[in-house]
């Protein structure tokens, strides 16, 4: 849980930095391209961190549900729906 909260905190700081770089790319015409590309790379990092956070939240639930299904040697409809929902 600590890792997820640190990823979330880092995510917010990166959003703030992305906004700062976007504003700088509009204000400073001579360095506009440099700030724009820095903003785009920062935005890509934010999206990757968000994807990682989502995976870290849903993967343990999915593994637990699959283990229960394997141990019982049967799959109920609700369990299958929940497993599919956890994948997406």
PDB file of N, CA and C in Angstrom:
ATOM      1  N   UNK A   1       0.821  -1.186   0.000  1.00  0.00           N
ATOM      2  CA  UNK A   1       0.000   0.000   0.000  1.00  0.00           C
ATOM      3  C   UNK A   1       0.868   1.255   0.000  1.00  0.00           C
ATOM      4  N   UNK A   2       2.010   1.163   0.651  1.00  0.00           N
ATOM      5  CA  UNK A   2       2.913   2.315   0.711  1.00  0.00           C
ATOM      6  C   UNK A   2       3.424   2.675  -0.674  1.00  0.00           C
ATOM      7  N   UNK A   3       3.697   1.650  -1.494  1.00  0.00           N
ATOM      8  CA  UNK A   3       4.203   1.908  -2.834  1.00  0.00           C
ATOM      9  C   UNK A   3       3.137   2.603  -3.678  1.00  0.00           C
ATOM     10  N   UNK A   4       1.886   2.180  -3.526  1.00  0.00           N
ATOM     11  CA  UNK A   4       0.810   2.784  -4.299  1.00  0.00           C
ATOM     12  C   UNK A   4       0.629   4.245  -3.916  1.00  0.00           C
ATOM     13  N   UNK A   5       0.695   4.551  -2.624  1.00  0.00           N
ATOM     14  CA  UNK A   5       0.530   5.948  -2.219  1.00  0.00           C
ATOM     15  C   UNK A   5       1.699   6.801  -2.682  1.00  0.00           C
ATOM     16  N   UNK A   6       2.914   6.240  -2.704  1.00  0.00           N
ATOM     17  CA  UNK A   6       4.051   7.013  -3.198  1.00  0.00           C
ATOM     18  C   UNK A   6       3.952   7.223  -4.703  1.00  0.00           C
ATOM     19  N   UNK A   7       3.421   6.229  -5.418  1.00  0.00           N
ATOM     20  CA  UNK A   7       3.204   6.397  -6.852  1.00  0.00           C
ATOM     21  C   UNK A   7       2.155   7.475  -7.082  1.00  0.00           C
ATOM     22  N   UNK A   8       1.104   7.465  -6.275  1.00  0.00           N
ATOM     23  CA  UNK A   8       0.045   8.463  -6.393  1.00  0.00           C
ATOM     24  C   UNK A   8       0.581   9.865  -6.106  1.00  0.00           C
ATOM     25  N   UNK A   9       1.419   9.995  -5.088  1.00  0.00           N
ATOM     26  CA  UNK A   9       2.015  11.291  -4.748  1.00  0.00           C
ATOM     27  C   UNK A   9       2.925  11.760  -5.875  1.00  0.00           C
ATOM     28  N   UNK A  10       3.722  10.858  -6.399  1.00  0.00           N
ATOM     29  CA  UNK A  10       4.605  11.190  -7.509  1.00  0.00           C
ATOM     30  C   UNK A  10       3.793  11.588  -8.737  1.00  0.00           C
ATOM     31  N   UNK A  11       2.666  10.927  -8.913  1.00  0.00           N
ATOM     32  CA  UNK A  11       1.775  11.218 -10.027  1.00  0.00           C
ATOM     33  C   UNK A  11       1.292  12.665  -9.972  1.00  0.00           C
ATOM     34  N   UNK A  12       0.903  13.118  -8.802  1.00  0.00           N
ATOM     35  CA  UNK A  12       0.425  14.498  -8.642  1.00  0.00           C
ATOM     36  C   UNK A  12       1.530  15.513  -8.924  1.00  0.00           C
ATOM     37  N   UNK A  13       2.726  15.220  -8.422  1.00  0.00           N
ATOM     38  CA  UNK A  13       3.841  16.137  -8.666  1.00  0.00           C
ATOM     39  C   UNK A  13       4.170  16.217 -10.149  1.00  0.00           C
ATOM     40  N   UNK A  14       4.074  15.106 -10.835  1.00  0.00           N
ATOM     41  CA  UNK A  14       4.349  15.111 -12.269  1.00  0.00           C
ATOM     42  C   UNK A  14       3.280  15.878 -13.044  1.00  0.00           C
ATOM     43  N   UNK A  15       2.026  15.796 -12.599  1.00  0.00           N
ATOM     44  CA  UNK A  15       0.974  16.593 -13.237  1.00  0.00           C
ATOM     45  C   UNK A  15       1.260  18.080 -13.084  1.00  0.00           C
ATOM     46  N   UNK A  16       1.683  18.471 -11.898  1.00  0.00           N
ATOM     47  CA  UNK A  16       2.008  19.879 -11.662  1.00  0.00           C
ATOM     48  C   UNK A  16       3.171  20.302 -12.552  1.00  0.00           C
ATOM     49  N   UNK A  17       4.192  19.452 -12.650  1.00  0.00           N
ATOM     50  CA  UNK A  17       5.338  19.761 -13.513  1.00  0.00           C
ATOM     51  C   UNK A  17       4.909  19.833 -14.981  1.00  0.00           C
ATOM     52  N   UNK A  18       4.024  18.944 -15.398  1.00  0.00           N
ATOM     53  CA  UNK A  18       3.530  18.967 -16.774  1.00  0.00           C
ATOM     54  C   UNK A  18       2.803  20.272 -17.067  1.00  0.00           C
ATOM     55  N   UNK A  19       1.983  20.716 -16.127  1.00  0.00           N
ATOM     56  CA  UNK A  19       1.286  21.993 -16.310  1.00  0.00           C
ATOM     57  C   UNK A  19       2.274  23.150 -16.380  1.00  0.00           C
ATOM     58  N   UNK A  20       3.297  23.120 -15.527  1.00  0.00           N
ATOM     59  CA  UNK A  20       4.319  24.172 -15.542  1.00  0.00           C
ATOM     60  C   UNK A  20       5.026  24.211 -16.899  1.00  0.00           C
ATOM     61  N   UNK A  21       5.415  23.045 -17.398  1.00  0.00           N
ATOM     62  CA  UNK A  21       6.110  23.000 -18.686  1.00  0.00           C
ATOM     63  C   UNK A  21       5.203  23.463 -19.822  1.00  0.00           C
ATOM     64  N   UNK A  22       3.920  23.122 -19.751  1.00  0.00           N
ATOM     65  CA  UNK A  22       2.973  23.583 -20.769  1.00  0.00           C
ATOM     66  C   UNK A  22       2.838  25.093 -20.773  1.00  0.00           C
ATOM     67  N   UNK A  23       2.768  25.672 -19.589  1.00  0.00           N
ATOM     68  CA  UNK A  23       2.675  27.139 -19.482  1.00  0.00           C
ATOM     69  C   UNK A  23       3.951  27.786 -20.001  1.00  0.00           C
ATOM     70  N   UNK A  24       5.097  27.216 -19.655  1.00  0.00           N
ATOM     71  CA  UNK A  24       6.366  27.774 -20.120  1.00  0.00           C
ATOM     72  C   UNK A  24       6.499  27.670 -21.638  1.00  0.00           C
ATOM     73  N   UNK A  25       5.980  26.594 -22.216  1.00  0.00           N
ATOM     74  CA  UNK A  25       6.079  26.457 -23.674  1.00  0.00           C
ATOM     75  C   UNK A  25       5.230  27.503 -24.389  1.00  0.00           C
ATOM     76  N   UNK A  26       4.170  27.984 -23.748  1.00  0.00           N
ATOM     77  CA  UNK A  26       3.339  29.031 -24.342  1.00  0.00           C
ATOM     78  C   UNK A  26       3.940  30.416 -24.127  1.00  0.00           C
ATOM     79  N   UNK A  27       4.608  30.617 -22.997  1.00  0.00           N
ATOM     80  CA  UNK A  27       5.142  31.941 -22.655  1.00  0.00           C
ATOM     81  C   UNK A  27       6.449  32.252 -23.371  1.00  0.00           C
ATOM     82  N   UNK A  28       7.368  31.299 -23.359  1.00  0.00           N
ATOM     83  CA  UNK A  28       8.715  31.564 -23.874  1.00  0.00           C
ATOM     84  C   UNK A  28       8.817  31.078 -25.316  1.00  0.00           C
ATOM     85  N   UNK A  29       8.708  31.988 -26.227  1.00  0.00           N
ATOM     86  CA  UNK A  29       8.697  31.644 -27.651  1.00  0.00           C
ATOM     87  C   UNK A  29      10.035  31.073 -28.129  1.00  0.00           C
ATOM     88  N   UNK A  30      11.146  31.549 -27.551  1.00  0.00           N
ATOM     89  CA  UNK A  30      12.451  31.077 -28.027  1.00  0.00           C
ATOM     90  C   UNK A  30      12.736  29.640 -27.589  1.00  0.00           C
ATOM     91  N   UNK A  31      12.169  29.212 -26.481  1.00  0.00           N
ATOM     92  CA  UNK A  31      12.367  27.836 -25.999  1.00  0.00           C
ATOM     93  C   UNK A  31      11.076  27.027 -26.076  1.00  0.00           C
ATOM     94  N   UNK A  32      10.172  27.415 -26.940  1.00  0.00           N
ATOM     95  CA  UNK A  32       8.857  26.787 -26.998  1.00  0.00           C
ATOM     96  C   UNK A  32       8.950  25.295 -27.322  1.00  0.00           C
ATOM     97  N   UNK A  33       9.747  24.945 -28.291  1.00  0.00           N
ATOM     98  CA  UNK A  33       9.862  23.539 -28.693  1.00  0.00           C
ATOM     99  C   UNK A  33      10.456  22.686 -27.582  1.00  0.00           C
ATOM    100  N   UNK A  34      11.471  23.199 -26.907  1.00  0.00           N
ATOM    101  CA  UNK A  34      12.117  22.452 -25.822  1.00  0.00           C
ATOM    102  C   UNK A  34      11.142  22.191 -24.678  1.00  0.00           C
ATOM    103  N   UNK A  35      10.393  23.208 -24.269  1.00  0.00           N
ATOM    104  CA  UNK A  35       9.416  23.035 -23.191  1.00  0.00           C
ATOM    105  C   UNK A  35       8.265  22.127 -23.621  1.00  0.00           C
ATOM    106  N   UNK A  36       7.863  22.232 -24.880  1.00  0.00           N
ATOM    107  CA  UNK A  36       6.770  21.394 -25.372  1.00  0.00           C
ATOM    108  C   UNK A  36       7.144  19.916 -25.298  1.00  0.00           C
ATOM    109  N   UNK A  37       8.359  19.580 -25.772  1.00  0.00           N
ATOM    110  CA  UNK A  37       8.759  18.172 -25.746  1.00  0.00           C
ATOM    111  C   UNK A  37       9.009  17.685 -24.327  1.00  0.00           C
ATOM    112  N   UNK A  38       9.513  18.546 -23.462  1.00  0.00           N
ATOM    113  CA  UNK A  38       9.667  18.165 -22.054  1.00  0.00           C
ATOM    114  C   UNK A  38       8.300  17.886 -21.435  1.00  0.00           C
ATOM    115  N   UNK A  39       7.309  18.704 -21.793  1.00  0.00           N
ATOM    116  CA  UNK A  39       5.950  18.492 -21.298  1.00  0.00           C
ATOM    117  C   UNK A  39       5.389  17.167 -21.816  1.00  0.00           C
ATOM    118  N   UNK A  40       5.617  16.858 -23.072  1.00  0.00           N
ATOM    119  CA  UNK A  40       5.095  15.613 -23.643  1.00  0.00           C
ATOM    120  C   UNK A  40       5.727  14.384 -22.984  1.00  0.00           C
ATOM    121  N   UNK A  41       7.038  14.421 -22.733  1.00  0.00           N
ATOM    122  CA  UNK A  41       7.698  13.294 -22.060  1.00  0.00           C
ATOM    123  C   UNK A  41       7.189  13.144 -20.629  1.00  0.00           C
ATOM    124  N   UNK A  42       6.980  14.257 -19.967  1.00  0.00           N
ATOM    125  CA  UNK A  42       6.466  14.218 -18.593  1.00  0.00           C
ATOM    126  C   UNK A  42       5.051  13.646 -18.572  1.00  0.00           C
ATOM    127  N   UNK A  43       4.237  14.032 -19.537  1.00  0.00           N
ATOM    128  CA  UNK A  43       2.867  13.522 -19.625  1.00  0.00           C
ATOM    129  C   UNK A  43       2.860  12.015 -19.893  1.00  0.00           C
ATOM    130  N   UNK A  44       3.788  11.545 -20.726  1.00  0.00           N
ATOM    131  CA  UNK A  44       3.893  10.103 -20.980  1.00  0.00           C
ATOM    132  C   UNK A  44       4.291   9.361 -19.706  1.00  0.00           C
ATOM    133  N   UNK A  45       5.185   9.950 -18.918  1.00  0.00           N
ATOM    134  CA  UNK A  45       5.575   9.339 -17.644  1.00  0.00           C
ATOM    135  C   UNK A  45       4.398   9.254 -16.686  1.00  0.00           C
ATOM    136  N   UNK A  46       3.589  10.297 -16.644  1.00  0.00           N
ATOM    137  CA  UNK A  46       2.411  10.304 -15.769  1.00  0.00           C
ATOM    138  C   UNK A  46       1.461   9.175 -16.164  1.00  0.00           C
ATOM    139  N   UNK A  47       1.249   9.014 -17.452  1.00  0.00           N
ATOM    140  CA  UNK A  47       0.342   7.959 -17.910  1.00  0.00           C
ATOM    141  C   UNK A  47       0.886   6.574 -17.603  1.00  0.00           C
ATOM    142  N   UNK A  48       2.199   6.387 -17.719  1.00  0.00           N
ATOM    143  CA  UNK A  48       2.795   5.091 -17.382  1.00  0.00           C
ATOM    144  C   UNK A  48       2.657   4.797 -15.895  1.00  0.00           C
ATOM    145  N   UNK A  49       2.858   5.809 -15.061  1.00  0.00           N
ATOM    146  CA  UNK A  49       2.692   5.623 -13.619  1.00  0.00           C
ATOM    147  C   UNK A  49       1.246   5.298 -13.265  1.00  0.00           C
ATOM    148  N   UNK A  50       0.310   5.921 -13.944  1.00  0.00           N
ATOM    149  CA  UNK A  50      -1.106   5.633 -13.700  1.00  0.00           C
ATOM    150  C   UNK A  50      -1.433   4.191 -14.092  1.00  0.00           C
ATOM    151  N   UNK A  51      -0.874   3.730 -15.197  1.00  0.00           N
ATOM    152  CA  UNK A  51      -1.081   2.349 -15.627  1.00  0.00           C
ATOM    153  C   UNK A  51      -0.501   1.369 -14.616  1.00  0.00           C
ATOM    154  N   UNK A  52       0.703   1.657 -14.116  1.00  0.00           N
ATOM    155  CA  UNK A  52       1.332   0.806 -13.108  1.00  0.00           C
ATOM    156  C   UNK A  52       0.505   0.772 -11.831  1.00  0.00           C
ATOM    157  N   UNK A  53       0.010   1.912 -11.402  1.00  0.00           N
ATOM    158  CA  UNK A  53      -0.805   1.980 -10.190  1.00  0.00           C
ATOM    159  C   UNK A  53      -2.077   1.149 -10.339  1.00  0.00           C
ATOM    160  N   UNK A  54      -2.708   1.241 -11.488  1.00  0.00           N
ATOM    161  CA  UNK A  54      -3.925   0.470 -11.737  1.00  0.00           C
ATOM    162  C   UNK A  54      -3.641  -1.021 -11.697  1.00  0.00           C
ATOM    163  N   UNK A  55      -2.540  -1.434 -12.298  1.00  0.00           N
ATOM    164  CA  UNK A  55      -2.170  -2.850 -12.284  1.00  0.00           C
ATOM    165  C   UNK A  55      -1.888  -3.328 -10.868  1.00  0.00           C
ATOM    166  N   UNK A  56      -1.168  -2.526 -10.089  1.00  0.00           N
ATOM    167  CA  UNK A  56      -0.837  -2.921  -8.720  1.00  0.00           C
ATOM    168  C   UNK A  56      -2.075  -3.018  -7.833  1.00  0.00           C
ATOM    169  N   UNK A  57      -3.113  -2.285  -8.159  1.00  0.00           N
ATOM    170  CA  UNK A  57      -4.343  -2.360  -7.374  1.00  0.00           C
ATOM    171  C   UNK A  57      -5.187  -3.573  -7.741  1.00  0.00           C
ATOM    172  N   UNK A  58      -5.241  -3.927  -9.019  1.00  0.00           N
ATOM    173  CA  UNK A  58      -6.161  -4.985  -9.445  1.00  0.00           C
ATOM    174  C   UNK A  58      -5.526  -6.370  -9.522  1.00  0.00           C
ATOM    175  N   UNK A  59      -4.233  -6.466  -9.691  1.00  0.00           N
ATOM    176  CA  UNK A  59      -3.592  -7.774  -9.851  1.00  0.00           C
ATOM    177  C   UNK A  59      -3.754  -8.682  -8.633  1.00  0.00           C
ATOM    178  N   UNK A  60      -3.563  -8.213  -7.400  1.00  0.00           N
ATOM    179  CA  UNK A  60      -3.733  -9.126  -6.256  1.00  0.00           C
ATOM    180  C   UNK A  60      -5.144  -9.702  -6.148  1.00  0.00           C
ATOM    181  N   UNK A  61      -6.152  -8.903  -6.436  1.00  0.00           N
ATOM    182  CA  UNK A  61      -7.532  -9.388  -6.394  1.00  0.00           C
ATOM    183  C   UNK A  61      -7.741 -10.473  -7.443  1.00  0.00           C
ATOM    184  N   UNK A  62      -7.220 -10.266  -8.623  1.00  0.00           N
ATOM    185  CA  UNK A  62      -7.374 -11.242  -9.696  1.00  0.00           C
ATOM    186  C   UNK A  62      -6.674 -12.549  -9.350  1.00  0.00           C
ATOM    187  N   UNK A  63      -5.476 -12.472  -8.812  1.00  0.00           N
ATOM    188  CA  UNK A  63      -4.736 -13.680  -8.437  1.00  0.00           C
ATOM    189  C   UNK A  63      -5.492 -14.455  -7.362  1.00  0.00           C
ATOM    190  N   UNK A  64      -6.028 -13.765  -6.374  1.00  0.00           N
ATOM    191  CA  UNK A  64      -6.798 -14.422  -5.319  1.00  0.00           C
ATOM    192  C   UNK A  64      -8.035 -15.112  -5.885  1.00  0.00           C
ATOM    193  N   UNK A  65      -8.759 -14.440  -6.738  1.00  0.00           N
ATOM    194  CA  UNK A  65      -9.955 -15.045  -7.324  1.00  0.00           C
ATOM    195  C   UNK A  65      -9.611 -16.264  -8.169  1.00  0.00           C
ATOM    196  N   UNK A  66      -8.545 -16.185  -8.935  1.00  0.00           N
ATOM    197  CA  UNK A  66      -8.145 -17.332  -9.751  1.00  0.00           C
ATOM    198  C   UNK A  66      -7.702 -18.507  -8.886  1.00  0.00           C
ATOM    199  N   UNK A  67      -6.999 -18.240  -7.793  1.00  0.00           N
ATOM    200  CA  UNK A  67      -6.583 -19.315  -6.880  1.00  0.00           C
ATOM    201  C   UNK A  67      -7.792 -20.006  -6.257  1.00  0.00           C
ATOM    202  N   UNK A  68      -8.788 -19.239  -5.867  1.00  0.00           N
ATOM    203  CA  UNK A  68     -10.004 -19.824  -5.292  1.00  0.00           C
ATOM    204  C   UNK A  68     -10.714 -20.687  -6.330  1.00  0.00           C
ATOM    205  N   UNK A  69     -10.794 -20.202  -7.549  1.00  0.00           N
ATOM    206  CA  UNK A  69     -11.452 -20.976  -8.602  1.00  0.00           C
ATOM    207  C   UNK A  69     -10.706 -22.268  -8.886  1.00  0.00           C
ATOM    208  N   UNK A  70      -9.391 -22.230  -8.874  1.00  0.00           N
ATOM    209  CA  UNK A  70      -8.594 -23.429  -9.147  1.00  0.00           C
ATOM    210  C   UNK A  70      -8.720 -24.429  -8.006  1.00  0.00           C
ATOM    211  N   UNK A  71      -8.686 -23.958  -6.761  1.00  0.00           N
ATOM    212  CA  UNK A  71      -8.789 -24.858  -5.612  1.00  0.00           C
ATOM    213  C   UNK A  71     -10.153 -25.530  -5.536  1.00  0.00           C
ATOM    214  N   UNK A  72     -11.214 -24.803  -5.847  1.00  0.00           N
ATOM    215  CA  UNK A  72     -12.556 -25.390  -5.811  1.00  0.00           C
ATOM    216  C   UNK A  72     -12.831 -26.243  -7.047  1.00  0.00           C
ATOM    217  N   UNK A  73     -12.022 -26.084  -8.060  1.00  0.00           N
ATOM    218  CA  UNK A  73     -12.127 -26.813  -9.320  1.00  0.00           C
ATOM    219  C   UNK A  73     -13.472 -26.553 -10.017  1.00  0.00           C
ATOM    220  N   UNK A  74     -13.993 -25.370  -9.821  1.00  0.00           N
ATOM    221  CA  UNK A  74     -15.199 -24.957 -10.532  1.00  0.00           C
ATOM    222  C   UNK A  74     -15.243 -23.430 -10.570  1.00  0.00           C
ATOM    223  N   UNK A  75     -15.927 -22.944 -11.564  1.00  0.00           N
ATOM    224  CA  UNK A  75     -16.025 -21.492 -11.722  1.00  0.00           C
ATOM    225  C   UNK A  75     -17.490 -21.091 -11.732  1.00  0.00           C
ATOM    226  N   UNK A  76     -17.851 -20.241 -10.807  1.00  0.00           N
ATOM    227  CA  UNK A  76     -19.216 -19.726 -10.776  1.00  0.00           C
ATOM    228  C   UNK A  76     -19.308 -18.505 -11.685  1.00  0.00           C
ATOM    229  N   UNK A  77     -20.509 -18.208 -12.102  1.00  0.00           N
ATOM    230  CA  UNK A  77     -20.725 -17.112 -13.051  1.00  0.00           C
ATOM    231  C   UNK A  77     -20.237 -15.778 -12.500  1.00  0.00           C
ATOM    232  N   UNK A  78     -20.570 -15.501 -11.257  1.00  0.00           N
ATOM    233  CA  UNK A  78     -20.170 -14.228 -10.655  1.00  0.00           C
ATOM    234  C   UNK A  78     -18.648 -14.114 -10.549  1.00  0.00           C
ATOM    235  N   UNK A  79     -17.990 -15.213 -10.197  1.00  0.00           N
ATOM    236  CA  UNK A  79     -16.526 -15.190 -10.109  1.00  0.00           C
ATOM    237  C   UNK A  79     -15.902 -14.920 -11.469  1.00  0.00           C
ATOM    238  N   UNK A  80     -16.436 -15.539 -12.502  1.00  0.00           N
ATOM    239  CA  UNK A  80     -15.902 -15.308 -13.854  1.00  0.00           C
ATOM    240  C   UNK A  80     -16.086 -13.854 -14.277  1.00  0.00           C
ATOM    241  N   UNK A  81     -17.255 -13.301 -13.964  1.00  0.00           N
ATOM    242  CA  UNK A  81     -17.503 -11.894 -14.300  1.00  0.00           C
ATOM    243  C   UNK A  81     -16.532 -10.974 -13.565  1.00  0.00           C
ATOM    244  N   UNK A  82     -16.298 -11.263 -12.290  1.00  0.00           N
ATOM    245  CA  UNK A  82     -15.386 -10.428 -11.503  1.00  0.00           C
ATOM    246  C   UNK A  82     -13.949 -10.543 -12.006  1.00  0.00           C
ATOM    247  N   UNK A  83     -13.548 -11.737 -12.418  1.00  0.00           N
ATOM    248  CA  UNK A  83     -12.193 -11.908 -12.966  1.00  0.00           C
ATOM    249  C   UNK A  83     -12.030 -11.122 -14.264  1.00  0.00           C
ATOM    250  N   UNK A  84     -13.036 -11.191 -15.107  1.00  0.00           N
ATOM    251  CA  UNK A  84     -12.973 -10.426 -16.357  1.00  0.00           C
ATOM    252  C   UNK A  84     -12.973  -8.928 -16.090  1.00  0.00           C
ATOM    253  N   UNK A  85     -13.757  -8.509 -15.095  1.00  0.00           N
ATOM    254  CA  UNK A  85     -13.791  -7.091 -14.745  1.00  0.00           C
ATOM    255  C   UNK A  85     -12.445  -6.629 -14.191  1.00  0.00           C
ATOM    256  N   UNK A  86     -11.768  -7.488 -13.432  1.00  0.00           N
ATOM    257  CA  UNK A  86     -10.464  -7.127 -12.870  1.00  0.00           C
ATOM    258  C   UNK A  86      -9.399  -7.002 -13.956  1.00  0.00           C
ATOM    259  N   UNK A  87      -9.591  -7.706 -15.055  1.00  0.00           N
ATOM    260  CA  UNK A  87      -8.635  -7.600 -16.160  1.00  0.00           C
ATOM    261  C   UNK A  87      -8.724  -6.251 -16.863  1.00  0.00           C
ATOM    262  N   UNK A  88      -9.885  -5.647 -16.853  1.00  0.00           N
ATOM    263  CA  UNK A  88     -10.082  -4.387 -17.576  1.00  0.00           C
ATOM    264  C   UNK A  88     -10.255  -3.269 -16.660  1.00  0.00           C
TER     265      UNK A  88
END
